[in-house]
C-alpha atoms as a PDB file:
ATOM      1  CA  MET A   1     158.021 116.784  61.231  1.00  0.00           C
ATOM      2  CA  LYS A   2     160.910 119.230  61.524  1.00  0.00           C
ATOM      3  CA  THR A   3     160.325 121.865  64.202  1.00  0.00           C
ATOM      4  CA  ALA A   4     162.072 125.024  65.375  1.00  0.00           C
ATOM      5  CA  HIS A   5     161.346 126.630  68.734  1.00  0.00           C
ATOM      6  CA  ILE A   6     162.046 130.377  68.967  1.00  0.00           C
ATOM      7  CA  ASN A   7     162.680 132.330  72.163  1.00  0.00           C
ATOM      8  CA  ALA A   8     164.347 135.624  73.038  1.00  0.00           C
ATOM      9  CA  GLY A   9     167.003 133.663  74.931  1.00  0.00           C
ATOM     10  CA  ASN A  10     167.046 135.673  78.147  1.00  0.00           C
ATOM     11  CA  GLU A  11     164.541 133.551  80.081  1.00  0.00           C
ATOM     12  CA  VAL A  12     165.429 132.411  83.588  1.00  0.00           C
ATOM     13  CA  GLY A  13     163.611 130.292  86.133  1.00  0.00           C
ATOM     14  CA  GLY A  14     160.443 128.509  85.062  1.00  0.00           C
ATOM     15  CA  GLY A  15     160.481 129.842  81.500  1.00  0.00           C
ATOM     16  CA  LEU A  16     163.954 128.480  80.866  1.00  0.00           C
ATOM     17  CA  VAL A  17     163.169 125.130  82.482  1.00  0.00           C
ATOM     18  CA  HIS A  18     159.938 124.804  80.484  1.00  0.00           C
ATOM     19  CA  ILE A  19     161.601 125.397  77.111  1.00  0.00           C
ATOM     20  CA  VAL A  20     164.713 123.291  77.650  1.00  0.00           C
ATOM     21  CA  SER A  21     162.855 120.424  79.350  1.00  0.00           C
ATOM     22  CA  LEU A  22     160.323 120.247  76.524  1.00  0.00           C
ATOM     23  CA  LEU A  23     162.997 120.311  73.816  1.00  0.00           C
ATOM     24  CA  ASP A  24     164.970 117.647  75.658  1.00  0.00           C
ATOM     25  CA  ALA A  25     161.856 115.451  75.817  1.00  0.00           C
ATOM     26  CA  LEU A  26     161.279 115.993  72.079  1.00  0.00           C
ATOM     27  CA  LYS A  27     164.844 115.209  71.004  1.00  0.00           C
ATOM     28  CA  ALA A  28     163.684 112.030  69.282  1.00  0.00           C
ATOM     29  CA  GLU A  29     161.888 114.362  66.864  1.00  0.00           C
ATOM     30  CA  GLN A  30     163.675 116.789  64.549  1.00  0.00           C
ATOM     31  CA  VAL A  31     163.769 119.831  66.794  1.00  0.00           C
ATOM     32  CA  ASP A  32     166.038 122.915  66.940  1.00  0.00           C
ATOM     33  CA  LEU A  33     166.155 126.015  69.106  1.00  0.00           C
ATOM     34  CA  ILE A  34     166.499 129.555  67.720  1.00  0.00           C
ATOM     35  CA  VAL A  35     167.299 132.359  70.175  1.00  0.00           C
ATOM     36  CA  LEU A  36     167.604 136.091  69.630  1.00  0.00           C
ATOM     37  CA  GLU A  37     170.559 136.537  71.959  1.00  0.00           C
ATOM     38  CA  GLU A  38     173.200 134.503  73.710  1.00  0.00           C
ATOM     39  CA  GLY A  39     172.113 133.831  77.244  1.00  0.00           C
ATOM     40  CA  PRO A  40     170.925 131.266  79.766  1.00  0.00           C
ATOM     41  CA  VAL A  41     168.477 129.506  77.426  1.00  0.00           C
ATOM     42  CA  ALA A  42     171.104 128.818  74.764  1.00  0.00           C
ATOM     43  CA  ALA A  43     173.604 127.649  77.381  1.00  0.00           C
ATOM     44  CA  ALA A  44     171.143 125.271  79.044  1.00  0.00           C
ATOM     45  CA  ALA A  45     169.942 123.926  75.688  1.00  0.00           C
ATOM     46  CA  ARG A  46     173.473 123.191  74.486  1.00  0.00           C
ATOM     47  CA  GLU A  47     174.204 121.413  77.754  1.00  0.00           C
ATOM     48  CA  ALA A  48     171.149 119.241  77.084  1.00  0.00           C
ATOM     49  CA  GLY A  49     172.442 118.392  73.601  1.00  0.00           C
ATOM     50  CA  ILE A  50     169.944 120.511  71.677  1.00  0.00           C
ATOM     51  CA  SER A  51     170.930 122.246  68.425  1.00  0.00           C
ATOM     52  CA  VAL A  52     170.970 126.020  68.998  1.00  0.00           C
ATOM     53  CA  TYR A  53     171.070 128.836  66.433  1.00  0.00           C
ATOM     54  CA  VAL A  54     171.585 132.444  67.552  1.00  0.00           C
ATOM     55  CA  PHE A  55     170.189 135.424  65.626  1.00  0.00           C
ATOM     56  CA  GLU A  56     171.360 138.461  67.565  1.00  0.00           C
ATOM     57  CA  GLN A  57     169.346 141.679  67.493  1.00  0.00           C
ATOM     58  CA  LYS A  58     171.113 144.989  68.067  1.00  0.00           C
ATOM     59  CA  ASN A  59     168.044 146.006  70.080  1.00  0.00           C
ATOM     60  CA  ARG A  60     164.334 145.154  70.299  1.00  0.00           C
ATOM     61  CA  PHE A  61     163.602 147.416  67.325  1.00  0.00           C
ATOM     62  CA  ASP A  62     166.209 145.740  65.096  1.00  0.00           C
ATOM     63  CA  LEU A  63     163.934 144.196  62.484  1.00  0.00           C
ATOM     64  CA  THR A  64     166.790 143.258  60.145  1.00  0.00           C
ATOM     65  CA  VAL A  65     166.725 139.958  62.004  1.00  0.00           C
ATOM     66  CA  LEU A  66     163.506 139.160  60.126  1.00  0.00           C
ATOM     67  CA  TYR A  67     165.349 138.788  56.820  1.00  0.00           C
ATOM     68  CA  ARG A  68     167.904 136.469  58.355  1.00  0.00           C
ATOM     69  CA  LEU A  69     165.281 134.426  60.159  1.00  0.00           C
ATOM     70  CA  ARG A  70     163.138 134.017  57.050  1.00  0.00           C
ATOM     71  CA  ALA A  71     166.066 132.862  54.943  1.00  0.00           C
ATOM     72  CA  PHE A  72     167.169 130.410  57.638  1.00  0.00           C
ATOM     73  CA  ILE A  73     163.695 128.950  58.220  1.00  0.00           C
ATOM     74  CA  LEU A  74     163.157 128.461  54.476  1.00  0.00           C
ATOM     75  CA  GLY A  75     166.607 126.924  54.099  1.00  0.00           C
ATOM     76  CA  GLN A  76     166.036 124.468  56.941  1.00  0.00           C
ATOM     77  CA  ASP A  77     162.644 123.443  55.529  1.00  0.00           C
ATOM     78  CA  TYR A  78     160.881 123.473  58.888  1.00  0.00           C
ATOM     79  CA  THR A  79     157.334 122.127  59.017  1.00  0.00           C
ATOM     80  CA  LEU A  80     156.344 123.886  62.217  1.00  0.00           C
ATOM     81  CA  ILE A  81     157.527 126.920  64.208  1.00  0.00           C
ATOM     82  CA  HIS A  82     156.826 127.041  67.944  1.00  0.00           C
ATOM     83  CA  THR A  83     157.394 130.406  69.646  1.00  0.00           C
ATOM     84  CA  HIS A  84     157.787 131.202  73.342  1.00  0.00           C
ATOM     85  CA  GLY A  85     157.508 134.697  74.786  1.00  0.00           C
ATOM     86  CA  PRO A  86     156.369 138.117  73.528  1.00  0.00           C
ATOM     87  CA  ARG A  87     159.456 138.967  71.448  1.00  0.00           C
ATOM     88  CA  ALA A  88     159.460 135.655  69.585  1.00  0.00           C
ATOM     89  CA  ASN A  89     155.684 135.811  69.110  1.00  0.00           C
ATOM     90  CA  THR A  90     155.888 139.336  67.703  1.00  0.00           C
ATOM     91  CA  LEU A  91     158.682 138.582  65.240  1.00  0.00           C
ATOM     92  CA  MET A  92     156.892 135.461  64.020  1.00  0.00           C
ATOM     93  CA  SER A  93     153.682 137.456  63.489  1.00  0.00           C
ATOM     94  CA  PHE A  94     155.637 139.736  61.126  1.00  0.00           C
ATOM     95  CA  LEU A  95     157.109 136.716  59.310  1.00  0.00           C
ATOM     96  CA  ARG A  96     153.869 134.745  59.132  1.00  0.00           C
ATOM     97  CA  PRO A  97     152.706 135.999  55.669  1.00  0.00           C
ATOM     98  CA  PHE A  98     156.049 135.016  54.128  1.00  0.00           C
ATOM     99  CA  LEU A  99     156.322 131.455  55.472  1.00  0.00           C
ATOM    100  CA  GLU A 100     154.354 128.343  54.606  1.00  0.00           C
ATOM    101  CA  VAL A 101     154.682 126.699  57.989  1.00  0.00           C
ATOM    102  CA  THR A 102     152.363 125.876  60.865  1.00  0.00           C
ATOM    103  CA  TRP A 103     152.792 128.304  63.754  1.00  0.00           C
ATOM    104  CA  ILE A 104     152.208 127.298  67.363  1.00  0.00           C
ATOM    105  CA  MET A 105     152.887 129.579  70.329  1.00  0.00           C
ATOM    106  CA  THR A 106     152.966 128.911  74.052  1.00  0.00           C
ATOM    107  CA  VAL A 107     151.645 131.635  76.342  1.00  0.00           C
ATOM    108  CA  HIS A 108     153.553 131.117  79.586  1.00  0.00           C
ATOM    109  CA  SER A 109     152.191 134.002  81.666  1.00  0.00           C
ATOM    110  CA  HIS A 110     149.279 136.412  81.729  1.00  0.00           C
ATOM    111  CA  PRO A 111     149.837 138.777  78.767  1.00  0.00           C
ATOM    112  CA  LEU A 112     148.642 141.825  80.698  1.00  0.00           C
ATOM    113  CA  LEU A 113     151.466 141.359  83.196  1.00  0.00           C
ATOM    114  CA  ASP A 114     154.380 140.810  80.794  1.00  0.00           C
ATOM    115  CA  PHE A 115     155.105 144.536  80.462  1.00  0.00           C
ATOM    116  CA  LYS A 116     153.508 145.856  83.638  1.00  0.00           C
ATOM    117  CA  GLY A 117     155.238 148.881  85.117  1.00  0.00           C
ATOM    118  CA  ARG A 118     157.331 149.646  82.021  1.00  0.00           C
ATOM    119  CA  GLY A 119     155.645 152.915  81.110  1.00  0.00           C
ATOM    120  CA  PHE A 120     154.812 153.969  77.562  1.00  0.00           C
ATOM    121  CA  LYS A 121     157.155 151.468  75.898  1.00  0.00           C
ATOM    122  CA  GLY A 122     155.632 148.667  77.937  1.00  0.00           C
ATOM    123  CA  ARG A 123     152.107 149.629  76.876  1.00  0.00           C
ATOM    124  CA  MET A 124     153.255 149.786  73.246  1.00  0.00           C
ATOM    125  CA  TYR A 125     154.886 146.341  73.422  1.00  0.00           C
ATOM    126  CA  GLU A 126     151.766 144.954  75.100  1.00  0.00           C
ATOM    127  CA  THR A 127     149.468 146.323  72.376  1.00  0.00           C
ATOM    128  CA  ILE A 128     151.636 144.807  69.639  1.00  0.00           C
ATOM    129  CA  HIS A 129     151.881 141.468  71.449  1.00  0.00           C
ATOM    130  CA  LEU A 130     148.133 141.144  71.991  1.00  0.00           C
ATOM    131  CA  LYS A 131     147.614 141.366  68.227  1.00  0.00           C
ATOM    132  CA  THR A 132     149.762 138.270  67.625  1.00  0.00           C
ATOM    133  CA  PHE A 133     147.354 135.791  69.188  1.00  0.00           C
ATOM    134  CA  LYS A 134     144.822 135.756  66.351  1.00  0.00           C
ATOM    135  CA  ARG A 135     147.590 135.151  63.802  1.00  0.00           C
ATOM    136  CA  ALA A 136     148.901 131.892  65.267  1.00  0.00           C
ATOM    137  CA  ASP A 137     147.497 128.593  64.003  1.00  0.00           C
ATOM    138  CA  GLY A 138     147.426 127.188  67.509  1.00  0.00           C
ATOM    139  CA  ILE A 139     148.142 128.363  71.049  1.00  0.00           C
ATOM    140  CA  ILE A 140     149.207 126.361  74.066  1.00  0.00           C
ATOM    141  CA  ALA A 141     148.071 128.006  77.311  1.00  0.00           C
ATOM    142  CA  VAL A 142     149.779 126.790  80.472  1.00  0.00           C
ATOM    143  CA  SER A 143     146.710 127.524  82.606  1.00  0.00           C
ATOM    144  CA  ASN A 144     142.949 127.792  82.331  1.00  0.00           C
ATOM    145  CA  GLU A 145     143.149 131.457  83.349  1.00  0.00           C
ATOM    146  CA  ILE A 146     145.293 132.184  80.296  1.00  0.00           C
ATOM    147  CA  ARG A 147     142.918 130.236  78.059  1.00  0.00           C
ATOM    148  CA  THR A 148     140.011 132.363  79.354  1.00  0.00           C
ATOM    149  CA  PHE A 149     141.961 135.535  78.625  1.00  0.00           C
ATOM    150  CA  LEU A 150     142.762 134.406  75.076  1.00  0.00           C
ATOM    151  CA  LYS A 151     139.080 133.725  74.510  1.00  0.00           C
ATOM    152  CA  SER A 152     138.329 137.295  75.663  1.00  0.00           C
ATOM    153  CA  GLN A 153     140.736 138.491  72.962  1.00  0.00           C
ATOM    154  CA  GLY A 154     138.683 136.787  70.268  1.00  0.00           C
ATOM    155  CA  VAL A 155     140.893 133.722  69.773  1.00  0.00           C
ATOM    156  CA  PRO A 156     138.689 130.779  68.689  1.00  0.00           C
ATOM    157  CA  ALA A 157     138.491 128.056  71.345  1.00  0.00           C
ATOM    158  CA  SER A 158     139.418 125.440  68.722  1.00  0.00           C
ATOM    159  CA  ARG A 159     142.879 127.003  68.400  1.00  0.00           C
ATOM    160  CA  VAL A 160     143.703 126.948  72.106  1.00  0.00           C
ATOM    161  CA  ARG A 161     144.742 123.969  74.231  1.00  0.00           C
ATOM    162  CA  VAL A 162     145.624 124.005  77.918  1.00  0.00           C
ATOM    163  CA  ILE A 163     148.738 121.890  78.412  1.00  0.00           C
ATOM    164  CA  HIS A 164     150.165 122.064  81.897  1.00  0.00           C
ATOM    165  CA  ASN A 165     153.888 122.185  82.496  1.00  0.00           C
ATOM    166  CA  GLY A 166     155.648 119.010  83.486  1.00  0.00           C
ATOM    167  CA  ILE A 167     158.968 117.943  84.969  1.00  0.00           C
ATOM    168  CA  ARG A 168     161.002 114.761  84.986  1.00  0.00           C
ATOM    169  CA  PHE A 169     160.230 113.350  88.408  1.00  0.00           C
ATOM    170  CA  SER A 170     163.027 111.734  90.388  1.00  0.00           C
ATOM    171  CA  ASP A 171     163.329 108.066  91.172  1.00  0.00           C
ATOM    172  CA  LEU A 172     161.757 107.735  94.608  1.00  0.00           C
ATOM    173  CA  GLN A 173     164.389 105.160  95.582  1.00  0.00           C
ATOM    174  CA  LYS A 174     167.186 107.662  94.954  1.00  0.00           C
ATOM    175  CA  GLN A 175     165.723 110.618  96.831  1.00  0.00           C
ATOM    176  CA  SER A 176     167.686 111.825  99.828  1.00  0.00           C
ATOM    177  CA  ALA A 177     166.077 112.012 103.230  1.00  0.00           C
ATOM    178  CA  LEU A 178     165.123 115.384 104.601  1.00  0.00           C
ATOM    179  CA  VAL A 179     167.714 117.044 106.796  1.00  0.00           C
ATOM    180  CA  SER A 180     166.547 117.278 110.391  1.00  0.00           C
ATOM    181  CA  ARG A 181     166.635 120.860 111.703  1.00  0.00           C
ATOM    182  CA  GLU A 182     165.814 122.570 114.946  1.00  0.00           C
ATOM    183  CA  THR A 183     164.647 125.578 112.946  1.00  0.00           C
ATOM    184  CA  PHE A 184     161.410 125.697 110.956  1.00  0.00           C
ATOM    185  CA  THR A 185     162.693 126.375 107.450  1.00  0.00           C
ATOM    186  CA  LEU A 186     160.622 127.848 104.671  1.00  0.00           C
ATOM    187  CA  VAL A 187     161.992 128.303 101.166  1.00  0.00           C
ATOM    188  CA  THR A 188     160.982 130.394  98.167  1.00  0.00           C
ATOM    189  CA  VAL A 189     162.384 130.140  94.660  1.00  0.00           C
ATOM    190  CA  GLY A 190     162.019 132.702  91.894  1.00  0.00           C
ATOM    191  CA  ARG A 191     162.900 136.117  90.564  1.00  0.00           C
ATOM    192  CA  LEU A 192     162.701 138.813  93.221  1.00  0.00           C
ATOM    193  CA  THR A 193     160.010 140.872  91.512  1.00  0.00           C
ATOM    194  CA  GLU A 194     156.859 142.529  92.810  1.00  0.00           C
ATOM    195  CA  ILE A 195     154.582 140.008  91.096  1.00  0.00           C
ATOM    196  CA  LYS A 196     156.110 137.153  93.112  1.00  0.00           C
ATOM    197  CA  GLY A 197     154.573 138.522  96.317  1.00  0.00           C
ATOM    198  CA  TYR A 198     157.638 138.311  98.556  1.00  0.00           C
ATOM    199  CA  ALA A 199     156.825 141.626 100.235  1.00  0.00           C
ATOM    200  CA  VAL A 200     153.481 140.135 101.293  1.00  0.00           C
ATOM    201  CA  LEU A 201     155.268 137.113 102.753  1.00  0.00           C
ATOM    202  CA  MET A 202     157.587 139.483 104.621  1.00  0.00           C
ATOM    203  CA  ASP A 203     154.530 141.193 106.128  1.00  0.00           C
ATOM    204  CA  ALA A 204     153.177 137.798 107.202  1.00  0.00           C
ATOM    205  CA  LEU A 205     156.466 136.837 108.855  1.00  0.00           C
ATOM    206  CA  HIS A 206     156.617 140.171 110.649  1.00  0.00           C
ATOM    207  CA  ALA A 207     153.319 139.235 112.314  1.00  0.00           C
ATOM    208  CA  PHE A 208     154.286 135.547 112.766  1.00  0.00           C
ATOM    209  CA  GLU A 209     154.335 134.802 116.492  1.00  0.00           C
ATOM    210  CA  GLU A 210     156.854 131.954 116.397  1.00  0.00           C
ATOM    211  CA  GLN A 211     160.576 132.714 116.605  1.00  0.00           C
ATOM    212  CA  ASP A 212     162.298 129.434 115.620  1.00  0.00           C
ATOM    213  CA  TRP A 213     162.131 129.929 111.853  1.00  0.00           C
ATOM    214  CA  GLN A 214     164.241 130.971 108.895  1.00  0.00           C
ATOM    215  CA  TRP A 215     163.385 131.960 105.334  1.00  0.00           C
ATOM    216  CA  VAL A 216     165.736 130.745 102.597  1.00  0.00           C
ATOM    217  CA  ILE A 217     165.290 133.068  99.598  1.00  0.00           C
ATOM    218  CA  CYS A 218     166.553 131.577  96.306  1.00  0.00           C
ATOM    219  CA  GLY A 219     166.717 134.065  93.450  1.00  0.00           C
ATOM    220  CA  ASP A 220     167.719 137.586  92.581  1.00  0.00           C
ATOM    221  CA  GLY A 221     166.091 140.536  90.869  1.00  0.00           C
ATOM    222  CA  GLU A 222     165.132 144.163  91.143  1.00  0.00           C
ATOM    223  CA  GLN A 223     163.317 143.703  94.464  1.00  0.00           C
ATOM    224  CA  MET A 224     166.414 142.423  96.305  1.00  0.00           C
ATOM    225  CA  ASP A 225     167.283 145.749  97.953  1.00  0.00           C
ATOM    226  CA  VAL A 226     163.626 146.555  98.637  1.00  0.00           C
ATOM    227  CA  LEU A 227     163.188 143.251 100.472  1.00  0.00           C
ATOM    228  CA  LYS A 228     166.394 143.703 102.436  1.00  0.00           C
ATOM    229  CA  ARG A 229     165.328 147.169 103.562  1.00  0.00           C
ATOM    230  CA  LYS A 230     161.934 145.775 104.558  1.00  0.00           C
ATOM    231  CA  GLY A 231     163.645 142.964 106.462  1.00  0.00           C
ATOM    232  CA  GLU A 232     165.834 145.469 108.287  1.00  0.00           C
ATOM    233  CA  ALA A 233     162.833 147.643 109.162  1.00  0.00           C
ATOM    234  CA  TYR A 234     161.038 144.584 110.553  1.00  0.00           C
ATOM    235  CA  LYS A 235     164.230 143.401 112.363  1.00  0.00           C
ATOM    236  CA  LEU A 236     164.014 140.061 110.528  1.00  0.00           C
ATOM    237  CA  MET A 237     167.416 140.023 108.799  1.00  0.00           C
ATOM    238  CA  PRO A 238     168.980 137.404 111.141  1.00  0.00           C
ATOM    239  CA  GLN A 239     166.273 134.982 109.981  1.00  0.00           C
ATOM    240  CA  LEU A 240     166.505 135.809 106.263  1.00  0.00           C
ATOM    241  CA  ASP A 241     168.999 133.948 104.068  1.00  0.00           C
ATOM    242  CA  PHE A 242     169.313 135.632 100.665  1.00  0.00           C
ATOM    243  CA  LYS A 243     170.964 132.999  98.452  1.00  0.00           C
ATOM    244  CA  GLY A 244     170.886 134.939  95.175  1.00  0.00           C
ATOM    245  CA  TRP A 245     170.862 133.084  91.873  1.00  0.00           C
ATOM    246  CA  LEU A 246     171.337 129.320  92.240  1.00  0.00           C
ATOM    247  CA  SER A 247     171.868 126.468  89.803  1.00  0.00           C
ATOM    248  CA  GLU A 248     169.128 123.894  89.358  1.00  0.00           C
ATOM    249  CA  SER A 249     171.041 121.368  91.482  1.00  0.00           C
ATOM    250  CA  ASP A 250     171.542 123.909  94.275  1.00  0.00           C
ATOM    251  CA  ILE A 251     167.842 124.824  94.191  1.00  0.00           C
ATOM    252  CA  ARG A 252     166.971 121.170  94.596  1.00  0.00           C
ATOM    253  CA  LYS A 253     169.349 120.975  97.572  1.00  0.00           C
ATOM    254  CA  GLU A 254     167.646 123.931  99.257  1.00  0.00           C
ATOM    255  CA  LEU A 255     164.200 122.447  98.612  1.00  0.00           C
ATOM    256  CA  ARG A 256     165.323 119.131 100.055  1.00  0.00           C
ATOM    257  CA  GLN A 257     166.450 120.791 103.269  1.00  0.00           C
ATOM    258  CA  ALA A 258     163.310 122.884 103.776  1.00  0.00           C
ATOM    259  CA  ASP A 259     160.251 122.082 105.855  1.00  0.00           C
ATOM    260  CA  VAL A 260     157.763 123.965 103.683  1.00  0.00           C
ATOM    261  CA  PHE A 261     157.808 125.615 100.267  1.00  0.00           C
ATOM    262  CA  VAL A 262     156.007 128.955  99.962  1.00  0.00           C
ATOM    263  CA  LEU A 263     154.658 130.410  96.702  1.00  0.00           C
ATOM    264  CA  PRO A 264     153.235 133.854  97.598  1.00  0.00           C
ATOM    265  CA  SER A 265     152.794 135.018  93.984  1.00  0.00           C
ATOM    266  CA  LEU A 266     150.237 137.572  92.889  1.00  0.00           C
ATOM    267  CA  SER A 267     150.029 135.839  89.492  1.00  0.00           C
ATOM    268  CA  GLU A 268     151.239 132.547  88.014  1.00  0.00           C
ATOM    269  CA  GLY A 269     150.426 130.255  85.129  1.00  0.00           C
ATOM    270  CA  PHE A 270     151.266 126.704  86.146  1.00  0.00           C
ATOM    271  CA  PRO A 271     154.412 127.067  88.314  1.00  0.00           C
ATOM    272  CA  MET A 272     157.038 124.442  87.596  1.00  0.00           C
ATOM    273  CA  ILE A 273     158.785 125.194  90.873  1.00  0.00           C
ATOM    274  CA  LEU A 274     155.692 123.896  92.681  1.00  0.00           C
ATOM    275  CA  LEU A 275     156.187 120.577  90.882  1.00  0.00           C
ATOM    276  CA  GLU A 276     159.874 120.580  91.820  1.00  0.00           C
ATOM    277  CA  ALA A 277     158.990 121.130  95.479  1.00  0.00           C
ATOM    278  CA  ALA A 278     156.462 118.318  95.224  1.00  0.00           C
ATOM    279  CA  ASP A 279     159.134 116.070  93.716  1.00  0.00           C
ATOM    280  CA  GLU A 280     161.188 116.615  96.875  1.00  0.00           C
ATOM    281  CA  LYS A 281     158.118 115.789  99.008  1.00  0.00           C
ATOM    282  CA  ILE A 282     157.979 119.300 100.453  1.00  0.00           C
ATOM    283  CA  PRO A 283     154.499 120.484 101.476  1.00  0.00           C
ATOM    284  CA  ALA A 284     153.480 123.824 100.025  1.00  0.00           C
ATOM    285  CA  ILE A 285     151.746 127.012 100.999  1.00  0.00           C
ATOM    286  CA  ALA A 286     150.644 128.734  97.785  1.00  0.00           C
ATOM    287  CA  THR A 287     148.393 131.555  96.697  1.00  0.00           C
ATOM    288  CA  ASP A 288     145.245 130.831  94.715  1.00  0.00           C
ATOM    289  CA  VAL A 289     146.577 131.977  91.338  1.00  0.00           C
ATOM    290  CA  GLY A 290     146.738 130.381  87.899  1.00  0.00           C
ATOM    291  CA  ASP A 291     146.210 126.636  88.069  1.00  0.00           C
ATOM    292  CA  VAL A 292     147.835 126.078  91.466  1.00  0.00           C
ATOM    293  CA  ARG A 293     144.681 124.238  92.561  1.00  0.00           C
ATOM    294  CA  GLU A 294     145.387 121.635  89.891  1.00  0.00           C
ATOM    295  CA  VAL A 295     148.441 120.590  91.955  1.00  0.00           C
ATOM    296  CA  ILE A 296     147.379 121.239  95.557  1.00  0.00           C
ATOM    297  CA  ARG A 297     143.991 119.621  95.289  1.00  0.00           C
ATOM    298  CA  ASP A 298     143.069 119.657  98.982  1.00  0.00           C
ATOM    299  CA  SER A 299     144.358 120.437 102.459  1.00  0.00           C
ATOM    300  CA  SER A 300     146.029 117.032 102.791  1.00  0.00           C
ATOM    301  CA  MET A 301     148.760 118.292 100.414  1.00  0.00           C
ATOM    302  CA  GLY A 302     149.269 121.839 101.643  1.00  0.00           C
ATOM    303  CA  TRP A 303     147.606 125.213 101.931  1.00  0.00           C
ATOM    304  CA  ILE A 304     146.034 127.536  99.351  1.00  0.00           C
ATOM    305  CA  VAL A 305     145.531 131.146 100.446  1.00  0.00           C
ATOM    306  CA  SER A 306     144.266 134.310  98.817  1.00  0.00           C
ATOM    307  CA  PRO A 307     146.922 136.378  97.013  1.00  0.00           C
ATOM    308  CA  ALA A 308     148.132 139.629  98.640  1.00  0.00           C
ATOM    309  CA  ASP A 309     146.769 138.490 102.021  1.00  0.00           C
ATOM    310  CA  PRO A 310     149.487 138.475 104.723  1.00  0.00           C
ATOM    311  CA  GLU A 311     147.018 137.411 107.419  1.00  0.00           C
ATOM    312  CA  ALA A 312     146.070 134.281 105.440  1.00  0.00           C
ATOM    313  CA  LEU A 313     149.737 133.506 104.863  1.00  0.00           C
ATOM    314  CA  LYS A 314     150.469 133.916 108.566  1.00  0.00           C
ATOM    315  CA  LYS A 315     147.618 131.541 109.457  1.00  0.00           C
ATOM    316  CA  ALA A 316     148.946 128.893 107.052  1.00  0.00           C
ATOM    317  CA  LEU A 317     152.484 129.300 108.396  1.00  0.00           C
ATOM    318  CA  THR A 318     151.196 128.940 111.956  1.00  0.00           C
ATOM    319  CA  GLU A 319     149.382 125.709 111.080  1.00  0.00           C
ATOM    320  CA  ALA A 320     152.412 124.350 109.224  1.00  0.00           C
ATOM    321  CA  HIS A 321     154.684 125.224 112.144  1.00  0.00           C
ATOM    322  CA  ALA A 322     152.377 123.405 114.577  1.00  0.00           C
ATOM    323  CA  LEU A 323     152.460 120.262 112.410  1.00  0.00           C
ATOM    324  CA  TRP A 324     156.255 120.561 112.131  1.00  0.00           C
ATOM    325  CA  LYS A 325     156.534 120.659 115.924  1.00  0.00           C
ATOM    326  CA  GLN A 326     154.437 117.504 116.100  1.00  0.00           C
ATOM    327  CA  ASN A 327     156.511 115.862 113.337  1.00  0.00           C
ATOM    328  CA  LYS A 328     153.366 115.562 111.179  1.00  0.00           C
ATOM    329  CA  LEU A 329     154.186 118.030 108.396  1.00  0.00           C
ATOM    330  CA  LYS A 330     156.098 115.644 106.147  1.00  0.00           C
ATOM    331  CA  SER A 331     153.010 113.518 105.407  1.00  0.00           C
ATOM    332  CA  LYS A 332     151.500 116.430 103.472  1.00  0.00           C
ATOM    333  CA  GLY A 333     154.627 116.519 101.276  1.00  0.00           C
ATOM    334  CA  ASP A 334     154.343 112.797 100.639  1.00  0.00           C
ATOM    335  CA  ARG A 335     150.746 113.148  99.462  1.00  0.00           C
ATOM    336  CA  LEU A 336     151.601 116.181  97.341  1.00  0.00           C
ATOM    337  CA  ARG A 337     154.355 114.241  95.596  1.00  0.00           C
ATOM    338  CA  THR A 338     152.061 111.285  94.881  1.00  0.00           C
ATOM    339  CA  PHE A 339     149.398 113.485  93.286  1.00  0.00           C
ATOM    340  CA  ALA A 340     151.693 115.932  91.450  1.00  0.00           C
ATOM    341  CA  SER A 341     153.642 113.158  89.715  1.00  0.00           C
ATOM    342  CA  ARG A 342     150.898 113.023  87.077  1.00  0.00           C
ATOM    343  CA  TYR A 343     152.348 116.282  85.670  1.00  0.00           C
ATOM    344  CA  SER A 344     155.371 114.724  84.041  1.00  0.00           C
ATOM    345  CA  ILE A 345     157.433 116.089  81.161  1.00  0.00           C
ATOM    346  CA  GLU A 346     156.661 112.865  79.304  1.00  0.00           C
ATOM    347  CA  LYS A 347     152.923 113.545  79.499  1.00  0.00           C
ATOM    348  CA  GLN A 348     153.455 117.188  78.522  1.00  0.00           C
ATOM    349  CA  SER A 349     155.550 116.317  75.465  1.00  0.00           C
ATOM    350  CA  ARG A 350     152.979 113.756  74.278  1.00  0.00           C
ATOM    351  CA  SER A 351     150.232 116.367  74.628  1.00  0.00           C
ATOM    352  CA  VAL A 352     152.284 118.921  72.694  1.00  0.00           C
ATOM    353  CA  LEU A 353     152.926 116.490  69.838  1.00  0.00           C
ATOM    354  CA  ALA A 354     149.235 115.554  69.709  1.00  0.00           C
ATOM    355  CA  PHE A 355     148.330 119.255  69.495  1.00  0.00           C
ATOM    356  CA  TYR A 356     150.891 119.757  66.707  1.00  0.00           C
ATOM    357  CA  ASN A 357     149.282 116.982  64.693  1.00  0.00           C
ATOM    358  CA  GLU A 358     145.755 118.244  65.357  1.00  0.00           C
ATOM    359  CA  ILE A 359     146.557 121.789  64.221  1.00  0.00           C
ATOM    360  CA  MET A 360     148.569 120.612  61.205  1.00  0.00           C
ATOM    361  CA  THR A 361     145.650 118.474  60.071  1.00  0.00           C
ATOM    362  CA  LYS A 362     143.422 121.566  60.149  1.00  0.00           C
ATOM    363  CA  HIS A 363     146.098 123.809  58.622  1.00  0.00           C
END
């Protein structure tokens, strides 16, 4: 089976890690990556030893790329095309009638949020993207919430499979010990966007009664200045450490040195960063979105709170701080790591290959 994965190429964070990790795990198969622009995905894939082909678009409306893509796909004699993201899904839906290949797509996030807040163009892109789902031969949903949405769009259940994200877990013998701090350290990782819920976390910290804490903020994005202004208004800036964009190794370092990982998102699929925090044995406070409950199964591993609820976040932070003071917080991270290790990239790649074969048999 010769497979090509297609992505816009501008993914960062969990989307990038998902694509490159999966391709790396599938390298024993015949697998290539096609991107629509040079960017972080192509760079990370090349570093992992994956074959990358770039088909630049002048802009999102440049459909001349379709002719080049069709000729390339036919010339390479691919058996299966696997698309990731709205732009790749849309282009493949246009190409579908002219290619005799099996088409699989992965839906990484809730489709109604992909273009939220982008005005008329965003609504247009969303409408076009929603029409692609019925044209794919098979769809991988990264969460049960996404599978339910696809069903509401009329996609037959037989074409959809929930396959949770996975990571390559570290060797427990090689993991570094946590750094001892006199300051209760919470860490967040992700794009600084409204959907990530960082403003809600800021509200919770403003009401947090303890003073011996710091928030390490890993990531950048359009909400950076908004969050800084909010921090200044709340007089929290001395306790906020904006790290900006960090490499994967630097993110792991920050996780390793934290006391608790916080995921205050308003929406998620199956967040890979939660698995990465678990790998470092860091207990988590997370909102009840996507399939987060599949990782934090009970209170012995962390806290699950309602999204957009600063009071619930504050309560969880207060409980975590109390356990930290008693030197009892780390045990939750240990249990989280033990349970979350079932979500490995090896298991994910086997599930993806099994789904390929199932859909190809039907196709």
